[in-house]
Every structure is written in structure tokens, then in C-alpha cells.
Amino acid sequence: MAASRILLWKGHCSVHARFTVEQIAQARAEDPNVRIVVHPECSLDVVRAADCNGSTEYIIRVVSQSPSGSRWGVGTEINLVNRLQQEHPDKRIFCLDPVVCPCSTMYRIHPRYLAWALDNLAQGRIVNRIQVPEEIRHWARVSLERMLAIA
């Protein structure tokens, strides 16, 4: 890990920003036995209001390992929610956001584009470079190093 180079950028997930504490309250009002799982990119209030939170892999695992007949309100991208519904017809799984907004950014990342970017890097060409002012870069590095130290 020490030799790894991590390329990050300032951003947010527009899909996860759509989930609200009110949506969680509504799901619980409709079904007091529903369990709520959300992605950690949701707002802190939403993460705290959920029963559990975790990565995409975590969401898949927690729903998959739950007993037949369990009910899940899921706060993440709709295509994952649809996939979970198809893979687990014995469970009630639904998206917390009734307007269900797919992630358009996710669809821009595909194997051909990734291969193109990696080929350019291998040839010494940096494409889509983002410049970060030194002061921001310094404190971002401090923050990332702290997160990686506890991960």
C-alpha cells in the first residue's frame, strides 16, 4: 500500500445526495420492520438515521445474507437496487428515493475509456489532469493519510 499512488478529486455523488432522513422516516412509517441500508456517500444525517451503512459490496452482502422475507430500504444507485431485487425475489427490496435517479457519471466510466486512460498513462501522457492549489493539496494529503492509516 505504501508504494501505491492514489489519484483523487474533489467531488460528490449526486445520487447519494438525493437521499433524505424524511425518506427513511416514510419507509419506517409504511413498514416498521424495514431495515435501512445506505451508502456512506449519503449525508451524515442520512447515514446516522439508517440501520447500517457501507460500500456497495457491503450493501450487497448485508442484503444477500439477510433472512428470506426481510425488507430493505436501500439508499444507493437504482441499478444496484434493481439487481438486488432480481437476485433476491424472496425479500422486499426498494429504493428509498421514489424519483429514482440513475447515476449518469457512472455510465461514463466503461472498460474502453479506462483502458484508454491507462494506456495514455503507460505512455507518459496524462489526460484529464486536474490542478490543485498547494495549500489544498497539503491538507488533502494530511486527511487522506489519516484515513488510510486507520483503514
Protein backbone atom coordinates (compact mmCIF):
# COMPACT_ATOMS: atom_id res chain seq x y z
CA MET A 1 0.00 0.00 0.00
CA ALA A 2 2.86 2.41 0.76
CA ALA A 3 4.01 2.21 -2.87
CA SER A 4 0.51 2.78 -4.24
CA ARG A 5 -0.39 6.06 -5.85
CA ILE A 6 -3.94 7.22 -5.32
CA LEU A 7 -5.49 9.73 -7.71
CA LEU A 8 -8.42 11.55 -6.13
CA TRP A 9 -10.52 14.61 -6.87
CA LYS A 10 -12.93 16.89 -5.08
CA GLY A 11 -16.45 15.82 -5.78
CA HIS A 12 -19.66 14.33 -4.53
CA CYS A 13 -22.18 11.79 -5.66
CA SER A 14 -25.35 13.45 -6.93
CA VAL A 15 -27.34 10.22 -6.47
CA HIS A 16 -26.38 9.70 -2.83
CA ALA A 17 -27.04 13.39 -2.10
CA ARG A 18 -30.72 12.80 -3.02
CA PHE A 19 -31.46 10.53 -0.04
CA THR A 20 -33.07 12.18 2.99
CA VAL A 21 -33.94 11.44 6.59
CA GLU A 22 -37.57 12.07 5.60
CA GLN A 23 -37.40 9.21 3.08
CA ILE A 24 -36.13 6.91 5.84
CA ALA A 25 -38.92 8.06 8.17
CA GLN A 26 -41.50 7.45 5.42
CA ALA A 27 -40.18 3.93 4.78
CA ARG A 28 -40.37 3.15 8.50
CA ALA A 29 -43.87 4.64 8.78
CA GLU A 30 -45.03 2.35 5.98
CA ASP A 31 -43.23 -0.70 7.40
CA PRO A 32 -41.90 -0.60 10.99
CA ASN A 33 -39.89 -3.78 10.34
CA VAL A 34 -37.99 -2.44 7.35
CA ARG A 35 -34.20 -2.27 7.64
CA ILE A 36 -32.45 0.70 6.08
CA VAL A 37 -29.01 0.41 4.49
CA VAL A 38 -27.33 3.37 2.77
CA HIS A 39 -24.06 4.14 1.06
CA PRO A 40 -21.67 6.24 3.19
CA GLU A 41 -21.61 8.94 0.50
CA CYS A 42 -25.09 9.93 1.69
CA SER A 43 -25.29 12.92 4.04
CA LEU A 44 -24.19 12.33 7.62
CA ASP A 45 -27.78 12.74 8.85
CA VAL A 46 -28.96 10.01 6.48
CA VAL A 47 -26.09 7.69 7.45
CA ARG A 48 -26.90 8.19 11.13
CA ALA A 49 -30.63 7.59 10.58
CA ALA A 50 -30.03 4.31 8.72
CA ASP A 51 -29.71 0.95 10.43
CA CYS A 52 -26.42 0.35 8.68
CA ASN A 53 -24.20 1.86 6.04
CA GLY A 54 -21.35 0.69 3.89
CA SER A 55 -19.81 0.32 0.49
CA THR A 56 -21.57 -1.19 -2.49
CA GLU A 57 -20.00 -4.53 -1.59
CA TYR A 58 -21.27 -4.16 1.99
CA ILE A 59 -24.81 -3.37 0.83
CA ILE A 60 -24.81 -6.44 -1.43
CA ARG A 61 -23.50 -8.64 1.39
CA VAL A 62 -25.86 -7.39 4.12
CA VAL A 63 -28.94 -7.76 1.92
CA SER A 64 -27.83 -11.12 0.49
CA GLN A 65 -27.14 -12.59 3.93
CA SER A 66 -30.40 -11.38 5.45
CA PRO A 67 -33.15 -13.94 6.03
CA SER A 68 -35.85 -14.69 3.49
CA GLY A 69 -38.80 -12.36 3.95
CA SER A 70 -36.69 -9.48 5.23
CA ARG A 71 -37.47 -5.99 3.99
CA TRP A 72 -34.86 -3.45 2.91
CA GLY A 73 -34.97 0.23 2.04
CA VAL A 74 -31.76 0.91 0.14
CA GLY A 75 -30.08 4.28 -0.32
CA THR A 76 -27.86 3.87 -3.35
CA GLU A 77 -27.90 3.86 -7.15
CA ILE A 78 -31.08 2.38 -8.64
CA ASN A 79 -29.37 -0.21 -10.84
CA LEU A 80 -27.87 -1.89 -7.77
CA VAL A 81 -31.28 -1.83 -6.08
CA ASN A 82 -32.84 -3.42 -9.18
CA ARG A 83 -30.11 -6.07 -9.26
CA LEU A 84 -30.70 -6.91 -5.60
CA GLN A 85 -34.44 -7.22 -6.28
CA GLN A 86 -33.81 -9.64 -9.14
CA GLU A 87 -31.29 -11.73 -7.20
CA HIS A 88 -33.45 -11.93 -4.05
CA PRO A 89 -37.12 -12.29 -5.00
CA ASP A 90 -37.74 -13.73 -1.51
CA LYS A 91 -37.07 -10.29 0.04
CA ARG A 92 -38.76 -6.92 -0.32
CA ILE A 93 -36.08 -4.51 -1.55
CA PHE A 94 -36.83 -0.96 -2.65
CA CYS A 95 -35.04 2.31 -3.31
CA LEU A 96 -35.58 4.98 -0.67
CA ASP A 97 -35.87 7.70 -3.33
CA PRO A 98 -39.23 7.44 -5.12
CA VAL A 99 -37.89 9.51 -8.03
CA VAL A 100 -35.05 7.00 -8.60
CA CYS A 101 -32.25 8.83 -10.33
CA PRO A 102 -29.63 6.69 -12.09
CA CYS A 103 -26.02 7.79 -11.89
CA SER A 104 -25.14 9.35 -15.24
CA THR A 105 -21.50 9.75 -14.19
CA MET A 106 -21.17 6.00 -13.58
CA TYR A 107 -22.21 5.32 -17.17
CA ARG A 108 -19.30 7.42 -18.45
CA ILE A 109 -16.82 5.04 -16.84
CA HIS A 110 -16.55 1.97 -19.02
CA PRO A 111 -13.76 -0.51 -19.84
CA ARG A 112 -12.73 1.14 -23.13
CA TYR A 113 -12.37 4.57 -21.54
CA LEU A 114 -10.43 3.13 -18.59
CA ALA A 115 -8.12 1.25 -20.98
CA TRP A 116 -7.57 4.46 -22.98
CA ALA A 117 -6.68 6.44 -19.84
CA LEU A 118 -4.34 3.70 -18.57
CA ASP A 119 -2.66 3.34 -21.99
CA ASN A 120 -2.00 7.08 -22.01
CA LEU A 121 -0.54 6.93 -18.50
CA ALA A 122 1.69 3.99 -19.50
CA GLN A 123 2.97 6.07 -22.44
CA GLY A 124 3.72 9.02 -20.18
CA ARG A 125 0.77 11.12 -21.30
CA ILE A 126 -1.50 12.47 -18.61
CA VAL A 127 -5.03 13.11 -19.83
CA ASN A 128 -7.74 14.98 -17.95
CA ARG A 129 -5.24 16.38 -15.44
CA ILE A 130 -6.69 18.36 -12.56
CA GLN A 131 -4.53 21.05 -10.95
CA VAL A 132 -4.93 21.52 -7.18
CA PRO A 133 -3.50 24.56 -5.35
CA GLU A 134 -0.66 23.67 -2.97
CA GLU A 135 -2.46 24.61 0.26
CA ILE A 136 -5.47 22.46 -0.62
CA ARG A 137 -3.18 19.65 -1.77
CA HIS A 138 -1.27 19.73 1.54
CA TRP A 139 -4.34 19.45 3.76
CA ALA A 140 -5.99 16.92 1.47
CA ARG A 141 -2.88 14.74 1.75
CA VAL A 142 -2.92 15.04 5.55
CA SER A 143 -6.57 13.99 5.59
CA LEU A 144 -6.04 11.07 3.21
CA GLU A 145 -3.01 9.81 5.11
CA ARG A 146 -5.03 9.82 8.33
CA MET A 147 -7.89 7.92 6.67
CA LEU A 148 -5.54 5.35 5.15
CA ALA A 149 -3.75 4.91 8.49
CA ILE A 150 -6.97 3.81 10.19
CA ALA A 151 -8.31 1.78 7.24
